Amino acid sequence: MEFRDYYKVLGVERAATADQIKAAYRRLARKFHPDVSKEPNAEARFKEMQEAYEVLKDPEKRAAYDELGANWKAGEQFRPPPDWGSGFEFSGGAGRRGGARFRAGRAGRSGTGAAPDGASGEQDFSDFFSSLFGGGTPFGRGGGGAGRDHHARVGIDLEEAYRGTTRTLELRRPEVKPDGSVQLRTHTVRVTIPPGVTEGQLIRLAGQGAPAGGAGQAGDLYLEVHVQPHRLFQLEGRDVTLTFPVAPWEAALGASVTVPTLGGSVDMHIPAGTQSGQKLRLRGRGLPGAPAGDQYVQLKVVLPPANSPQAKALYEEMRSKLDFDPRGQPAR
């Protein structure tokens, strides 16, 4: 996808104040609004302006966008960094995805709020916008509430989700200065992540959200758990799936094999006549919980290479002596 220079779209400098950005948007909106504009590209230009304003009017989105740096040029090929959104802390509503919550004693929510002056939500925005601020990102939660609660994301390994862990996080919180510009203030939180935590679960740290004004009570900080992809296991809820290679004779004749699990290796019996793709279940070997998840072992029959005279002779013997047509077998 192509990089979009939102400052260039609105014709403002990167150091522009919030008032200058709003004034630029309103001026261009009067010129390019499809209902009144005579410009041939008015509708496309108006959508482009709305998208730019949706980002630059929001202190949190703008601060994150600025973190990409000023060296990108409009039209250059762009891909979000793999850790995009990590380490940022946001205000607004939590639990938009319906994730389970875990009260850890002291945590926030995300969200960005509806956009005034005609720019709101994701609308018909570009792939560039969606990749940075869409619903699948920490920035795409929509606003709500009084904004005192905050939200951030914490990434953990699957093994940490299984056994639990303690993390010290350095979070960047966007703050609006008196002149309307945005600065990122860094602060540190320590959180205990319980065993069996699942993807999207919210961990609440009470009183660690936005500071209270006057005599008000500080908001909470909600950490949304993101379980990193694993080299062996695929996670779904509390269940895990492992693709496990077996030799043809193990599948045909049955075998006892040693299988890795999150809790350590276990012995498993493969029944005779097992087919490639068949799943066997190890009950309770997924993430802990009430109830605990299971581990599914999906078998993958791997053929020995015919890379020697002996191996080729064995395959020739099988072809001549076995009455077997793989395309004539009934579906299983």
Protein backbone atom coordinates (compact mmCIF):
# COMPACT_ATOMS: atom_id res chain seq x y z
CA MET A 1 0.00 0.00 0.00
CA GLU A 2 1.07 3.62 -0.41
CA PHE A 3 2.04 5.93 2.44
CA ARG A 4 -0.27 8.89 3.00
CA ASP A 5 1.12 12.21 4.20
CA TYR A 6 -1.81 13.56 6.18
CA TYR A 7 -0.11 16.88 6.85
CA LYS A 8 0.38 17.42 3.13
CA VAL A 9 -3.25 16.48 2.45
CA LEU A 10 -4.45 19.29 4.74
CA GLY A 11 -1.65 21.64 3.73
CA VAL A 12 -0.26 22.19 7.22
CA GLU A 13 3.16 21.83 8.83
CA ARG A 14 3.92 18.88 11.11
CA ALA A 15 4.19 21.35 14.01
CA ALA A 16 0.69 22.75 13.36
CA THR A 17 -1.55 23.31 16.38
CA ALA A 18 -4.95 21.67 16.77
CA ASP A 19 -6.65 24.96 15.88
CA GLN A 20 -4.58 25.30 12.70
CA ILE A 21 -5.46 21.74 11.66
CA LYS A 22 -9.16 22.35 12.28
CA ALA A 23 -9.07 25.63 10.33
CA ALA A 24 -7.32 23.97 7.38
CA TYR A 25 -9.84 21.15 7.30
CA ARG A 26 -12.83 23.51 7.40
CA ARG A 27 -11.36 25.69 4.65
CA LEU A 28 -10.77 22.71 2.36
CA ALA A 29 -14.14 21.17 3.24
CA ARG A 30 -15.91 24.27 1.96
CA LYS A 31 -13.96 24.00 -1.28
CA PHE A 32 -14.31 20.27 -1.94
CA HIS A 33 -17.61 19.23 -0.35
CA PRO A 34 -19.32 17.14 -3.07
CA ASP A 35 -22.66 18.89 -2.56
CA VAL A 36 -21.28 22.30 -3.51
CA SER A 37 -17.90 21.84 -5.21
CA LYS A 38 -17.41 22.20 -8.95
CA GLU A 39 -13.99 20.51 -8.78
CA PRO A 40 -13.87 17.33 -10.94
CA ASN A 41 -12.19 15.28 -8.16
CA ALA A 42 -14.17 16.79 -5.29
CA GLU A 43 -15.55 13.57 -3.79
CA ALA A 44 -12.19 11.76 -3.75
CA ARG A 45 -10.43 14.83 -2.40
CA PHE A 46 -13.06 15.27 0.32
CA LYS A 47 -12.68 11.64 1.48
CA GLU A 48 -8.91 12.08 1.55
CA MET A 49 -9.30 15.20 3.72
CA GLN A 50 -11.71 13.45 6.08
CA GLU A 51 -9.24 10.61 6.56
CA ALA A 52 -6.37 13.01 7.26
CA TYR A 53 -8.47 15.00 9.72
CA GLU A 54 -9.66 11.85 11.49
CA VAL A 55 -6.02 11.16 12.38
CA LEU A 56 -4.62 14.64 12.98
CA LYS A 57 -7.53 15.95 15.07
CA ASP A 58 -7.08 13.10 17.56
CA PRO A 59 -4.07 13.64 19.87
CA GLU A 60 -3.54 9.89 20.33
CA LYS A 61 -3.75 8.94 16.65
CA ARG A 62 -1.62 11.94 15.70
CA ALA A 63 1.09 11.10 18.25
CA ALA A 64 1.21 7.51 16.98
CA TYR A 65 1.27 8.64 13.33
CA ASP A 66 4.13 11.02 14.11
CA GLU A 67 6.09 8.09 15.55
CA LEU A 68 6.40 6.73 11.99
CA GLY A 69 8.78 9.63 11.37
CA ALA A 70 8.95 12.46 8.86
CA ASN A 71 11.05 10.62 6.26
CA TRP A 72 8.16 8.87 4.52
CA LYS A 73 6.95 10.46 1.29
CA ALA A 74 3.42 10.33 -0.05
CA GLY A 75 3.04 7.47 -2.53
CA GLU A 76 5.96 5.40 -1.21
CA GLN A 77 5.28 1.72 -0.58
CA PHE A 78 4.54 1.24 3.10
CA ARG A 79 3.92 -1.56 5.57
CA PRO A 80 3.20 -0.97 9.28
CA PRO A 81 5.97 -2.03 11.66
CA PRO A 82 5.32 -5.52 13.11
CA ASP A 83 4.96 -4.11 16.64
CA TRP A 84 2.69 -1.26 15.55
CA GLY A 85 0.60 0.00 18.47
CA SER A 86 2.72 -1.64 21.15
CA GLY A 87 3.72 0.60 24.01
CA PHE A 88 0.99 3.20 23.40
CA GLU A 89 -1.67 3.98 25.97
CA PHE A 90 -5.09 5.32 24.98
CA SER A 91 -8.18 6.82 26.55
CA GLY A 92 -11.80 5.94 25.81
CA GLY A 93 -14.10 2.92 26.00
CA ALA A 94 -12.92 -0.63 26.73
CA GLY A 95 -14.17 -4.08 25.95
CA ARG A 96 -15.42 -3.30 22.45
CA ARG A 97 -14.42 -6.77 21.30
CA GLY A 98 -16.05 -8.46 24.26
CA GLY A 99 -12.82 -9.82 25.68
CA ALA A 100 -12.86 -11.42 29.12
CA ARG A 101 -11.50 -9.39 32.00
CA PHE A 102 -9.20 -10.29 34.83
CA ARG A 103 -8.92 -8.03 37.85
CA ALA A 104 -5.24 -7.79 38.77
CA GLY A 105 -5.63 -5.33 41.59
CA ARG A 106 -4.57 -2.21 39.75
CA ALA A 107 -5.44 -1.30 34.91
CA GLY A 108 -7.70 0.83 31.03
CA ARG A 109 -9.57 1.08 27.92
CA SER A 110 -9.03 2.18 24.42
CA GLY A 111 -10.87 4.29 21.98
CA THR A 112 -10.64 7.41 19.96
CA GLY A 113 -14.10 8.94 19.92
CA ALA A 114 -16.28 10.18 17.09
CA ALA A 115 -14.84 12.84 14.85
CA PRO A 116 -16.49 16.27 14.72
CA ASP A 117 -16.86 18.41 11.60
CA GLY A 118 -17.84 15.53 9.34
CA ALA A 119 -14.93 13.11 9.89
CA SER A 120 -15.93 10.10 11.94
CA GLY A 121 -15.29 6.42 12.32
CA GLU A 122 -13.50 4.35 9.69
CA GLN A 123 -15.97 5.27 6.94
CA ASP A 124 -14.63 4.49 3.47
CA PHE A 125 -11.04 5.18 4.38
CA SER A 126 -7.94 3.78 2.70
CA ASP A 127 -6.09 0.54 3.35
CA PHE A 128 -3.31 2.70 4.78
CA PHE A 129 -5.66 4.08 7.44
CA SER A 130 -7.11 0.65 8.22
CA SER A 131 -3.67 -0.90 8.65
CA LEU A 132 -2.74 1.74 11.25
CA PHE A 133 -6.01 2.68 12.93
CA GLY A 134 -8.65 0.15 11.84
CA GLY A 135 -10.66 -2.24 13.96
CA GLY A 136 -7.91 -4.82 14.17
CA THR A 137 -5.48 -2.37 15.78
CA PRO A 138 -5.29 -0.98 19.33
CA PHE A 139 -6.38 2.39 17.89
CA GLY A 140 -9.62 1.12 16.39
CA ARG A 141 -11.82 0.76 19.45
CA GLY A 142 -14.00 3.83 19.31
CA GLY A 143 -14.43 6.23 22.19
CA GLY A 144 -16.76 6.24 25.12
CA GLY A 145 -17.09 7.13 28.74
CA ALA A 146 -15.44 10.07 30.43
CA GLY A 147 -12.01 9.19 29.07
CA ARG A 148 -10.49 8.66 32.52
CA ASP A 149 -9.83 4.97 31.90
CA HIS A 150 -6.94 4.07 29.63
CA HIS A 151 -6.11 1.11 27.45
CA ALA A 152 -2.83 -0.48 26.26
CA ARG A 153 -1.73 -3.75 24.72
CA VAL A 154 0.70 -6.27 26.18
CA GLY A 155 2.28 -8.99 24.04
CA ILE A 156 3.22 -12.31 25.61
CA ASP A 157 4.49 -15.68 24.42
CA LEU A 158 2.21 -18.72 24.43
CA GLU A 159 4.35 -20.31 27.14
CA GLU A 160 3.79 -17.22 29.30
CA ALA A 161 0.04 -17.50 28.73
CA TYR A 162 0.27 -21.10 29.92
CA ARG A 163 2.27 -20.60 33.11
CA GLY A 164 1.63 -16.89 33.85
CA THR A 165 4.28 -14.19 34.10
CA THR A 166 5.11 -10.79 35.54
CA ARG A 167 5.86 -7.92 33.19
CA THR A 168 7.25 -4.42 33.62
CA LEU A 169 5.87 -2.26 30.79
CA GLU A 170 7.08 1.12 29.60
CA LEU A 171 4.04 2.85 28.14
CA ARG A 172 3.81 6.08 26.15
CA ARG A 173 0.81 8.24 26.97
CA PRO A 174 -0.07 11.07 24.53
CA GLU A 175 -0.78 14.36 26.32
CA VAL A 176 -1.94 17.67 24.90
CA LYS A 177 0.21 20.63 25.92
CA PRO A 178 -1.29 24.10 26.57
CA ASP A 179 -0.35 25.24 23.05
CA GLY A 180 -2.39 22.39 21.55
CA SER A 181 0.59 20.29 20.45
CA VAL A 182 1.00 16.67 21.53
CA GLN A 183 3.78 15.10 23.57
CA LEU A 184 4.39 11.51 24.60
CA ARG A 185 4.98 10.99 28.31
CA THR A 186 6.55 7.67 29.31
CA HIS A 187 5.64 5.85 32.50
CA THR A 188 6.21 2.35 33.87
CA VAL A 189 3.69 -0.19 35.17
CA ARG A 190 4.20 -3.68 36.59
CA VAL A 191 1.55 -6.32 35.99
CA THR A 192 1.07 -9.95 36.98
CA ILE A 193 -0.43 -11.98 34.13
CA PRO A 194 -2.29 -15.08 35.41
CA PRO A 195 -1.86 -18.61 34.02
CA GLY A 196 -4.44 -19.41 31.36
CA VAL A 197 -4.89 -15.86 30.07
CA THR A 198 -6.40 -15.84 26.57
CA GLU A 199 -6.11 -13.69 23.47
CA GLY A 200 -7.92 -10.36 23.92
CA GLN A 201 -8.40 -10.75 27.68
CA LEU A 202 -8.38 -7.47 29.63
CA ILE A 203 -6.33 -7.13 32.80
CA ARG A 204 -7.46 -4.24 35.00
CA LEU A 205 -4.96 -2.15 36.95
CA ALA A 206 -7.08 0.03 39.21
CA GLY A 207 -6.13 3.69 39.55
CA GLN A 208 -3.43 3.61 36.89
CA GLY A 209 -5.37 5.29 34.10
CA ALA A 210 -5.65 9.03 33.54
CA PRO A 211 -4.74 11.14 36.61
CA ALA A 212 -7.66 12.64 38.48
CA GLY A 213 -8.45 16.31 38.11
CA GLY A 214 -9.11 18.17 41.35
CA ALA A 215 -10.59 15.80 43.91
CA GLY A 216 -11.66 13.23 41.32
CA GLN A 217 -10.57 9.61 41.35
CA ALA A 218 -7.95 8.42 38.86
CA GLY A 219 -9.14 6.13 36.10
CA ASP A 220 -8.07 2.53 35.52
CA LEU A 221 -5.67 1.05 33.02
CA TYR A 222 -6.82 -2.00 31.05
CA LEU A 223 -4.13 -4.12 29.43
CA GLU A 224 -5.34 -6.14 26.47
CA VAL A 225 -3.40 -9.40 26.15
CA HIS A 226 -2.03 -10.31 22.74
CA VAL A 227 -0.54 -13.81 22.49
CA GLN A 228 2.27 -13.90 19.94
CA PRO A 229 2.20 -16.57 17.20
CA HIS A 230 4.06 -19.74 18.17
CA ARG A 231 6.39 -21.81 16.02
CA LEU A 232 4.64 -25.10 16.93
CA PHE A 233 1.16 -24.43 18.32
CA GLN A 234 -1.89 -22.58 17.00
CA LEU A 235 -4.11 -21.09 19.68
CA GLU A 236 -7.91 -20.90 19.60
CA GLY A 237 -9.50 -19.88 22.88
CA ARG A 238 -7.84 -22.17 25.41
CA ASP A 239 -7.28 -24.99 22.91
CA VAL A 240 -4.01 -25.47 21.05
CA THR A 241 -3.34 -27.41 17.86
CA LEU A 242 -0.05 -29.03 16.92
CA THR A 243 0.79 -30.34 13.45
CA PHE A 244 2.74 -33.55 14.09
CA PRO A 245 4.70 -35.45 11.39
CA VAL A 246 4.48 -39.26 11.33
CA ALA A 247 5.99 -41.94 9.10
CA PRO A 248 3.67 -43.95 6.80
CA TRP A 249 4.21 -47.15 8.83
CA GLU A 250 3.34 -45.33 12.08
CA ALA A 251 0.04 -44.23 10.59
CA ALA A 252 -0.69 -47.60 8.96
CA LEU A 253 0.40 -49.94 11.77
CA GLY A 254 -0.08 -47.74 14.82
CA ALA A 255 2.68 -46.45 17.10
CA SER A 256 3.51 -44.88 20.43
CA VAL A 257 5.14 -41.47 19.98
CA THR A 258 6.36 -38.63 22.19
CA VAL A 259 4.46 -35.37 21.60
CA PRO A 260 5.42 -31.88 22.82
CA THR A 261 2.83 -29.98 24.88
CA LEU A 262 2.91 -26.66 26.72
CA GLY A 263 3.40 -28.57 29.97
CA GLY A 264 6.16 -30.87 28.66
CA SER A 265 6.40 -33.94 26.44
CA VAL A 266 3.83 -36.75 26.81
CA ASP A 267 3.39 -40.20 25.25
CA MET A 268 0.55 -40.62 22.78
CA HIS A 269 -0.79 -43.68 20.95
CA ILE A 270 -1.49 -43.43 17.22
CA PRO A 271 -4.20 -45.96 16.23
CA ALA A 272 -3.54 -48.25 13.29
CA GLY A 273 -5.04 -47.00 10.04
CA THR A 274 -4.78 -43.32 10.93
CA GLN A 275 -4.94 -40.95 7.95
CA SER A 276 -2.98 -37.78 7.29
CA GLY A 277 -4.93 -34.77 8.59
CA GLN A 278 -6.70 -36.74 11.32
CA LYS A 279 -6.76 -35.06 14.74
CA LEU A 280 -6.16 -36.76 18.07
CA ARG A 281 -7.07 -35.03 21.35
CA LEU A 282 -4.98 -34.72 24.49
CA ARG A 283 -7.58 -33.68 27.05
CA GLY A 284 -6.65 -30.80 29.35
CA ARG A 285 -3.31 -30.12 27.65
CA GLY A 286 -4.24 -26.66 26.41
CA LEU A 287 -4.24 -23.46 28.47
CA PRO A 288 -5.27 -23.87 32.12
CA GLY A 289 -8.74 -22.68 33.13
CA ALA A 290 -12.12 -23.82 34.30
CA PRO A 291 -12.33 -25.94 32.24
CA ALA A 292 -8.82 -26.27 30.87
CA GLY A 293 -8.31 -26.29 27.14
CA ASP A 294 -7.32 -29.34 25.10
CA GLN A 295 -4.44 -30.00 22.75
CA TYR A 296 -5.29 -31.32 19.30
CA VAL A 297 -2.58 -33.20 17.46
CA GLN A 298 -3.12 -33.06 13.70
CA LEU A 299 -1.18 -35.86 12.05
CA LYS A 300 0.76 -35.26 8.85
CA VAL A 301 2.05 -38.35 7.08
CA VAL A 302 5.51 -37.62 5.68
CA LEU A 303 6.91 -39.87 2.94
CA PRO A 304 10.55 -40.96 2.99
CA PRO A 305 12.44 -39.66 -0.05
CA ALA A 306 13.24 -42.13 -2.84
CA ASN A 307 16.83 -40.92 -2.96
CA SER A 308 18.71 -44.23 -2.92
CA PRO A 309 18.52 -47.51 -4.85
CA GLN A 310 17.22 -49.29 -1.75
CA ALA A 311 14.47 -46.70 -1.18
CA LYS A 312 13.43 -46.81 -4.82
CA ALA A 313 13.31 -50.61 -4.70
CA LEU A 314 11.00 -50.52 -1.67
CA TYR A 315 8.63 -48.11 -3.43
CA GLU A 316 8.66 -50.31 -6.55
CA GLU A 317 7.81 -53.35 -4.40
CA MET A 318 4.93 -51.50 -2.75
CA ARG A 319 3.59 -50.45 -6.14
CA SER A 320 3.67 -53.99 -7.46
CA LYS A 321 2.40 -55.83 -4.41
CA LEU A 322 -0.15 -53.47 -2.79
CA ASP A 323 -3.60 -53.22 -4.33
CA PHE A 324 -3.92 -49.50 -3.64
CA ASP A 325 -5.41 -46.63 -5.63
CA PRO A 326 -5.31 -43.38 -3.62
CA ARG A 327 -7.80 -41.71 -5.97
CA GLY A 328 -10.19 -44.64 -5.74
CA GLN A 329 -10.43 -44.62 -1.93
CA PRO A 330 -13.63 -43.34 -0.31
CA ALA A 331 -13.36 -39.90 1.26
CA ARG A 332 -12.59 -39.94 4.98
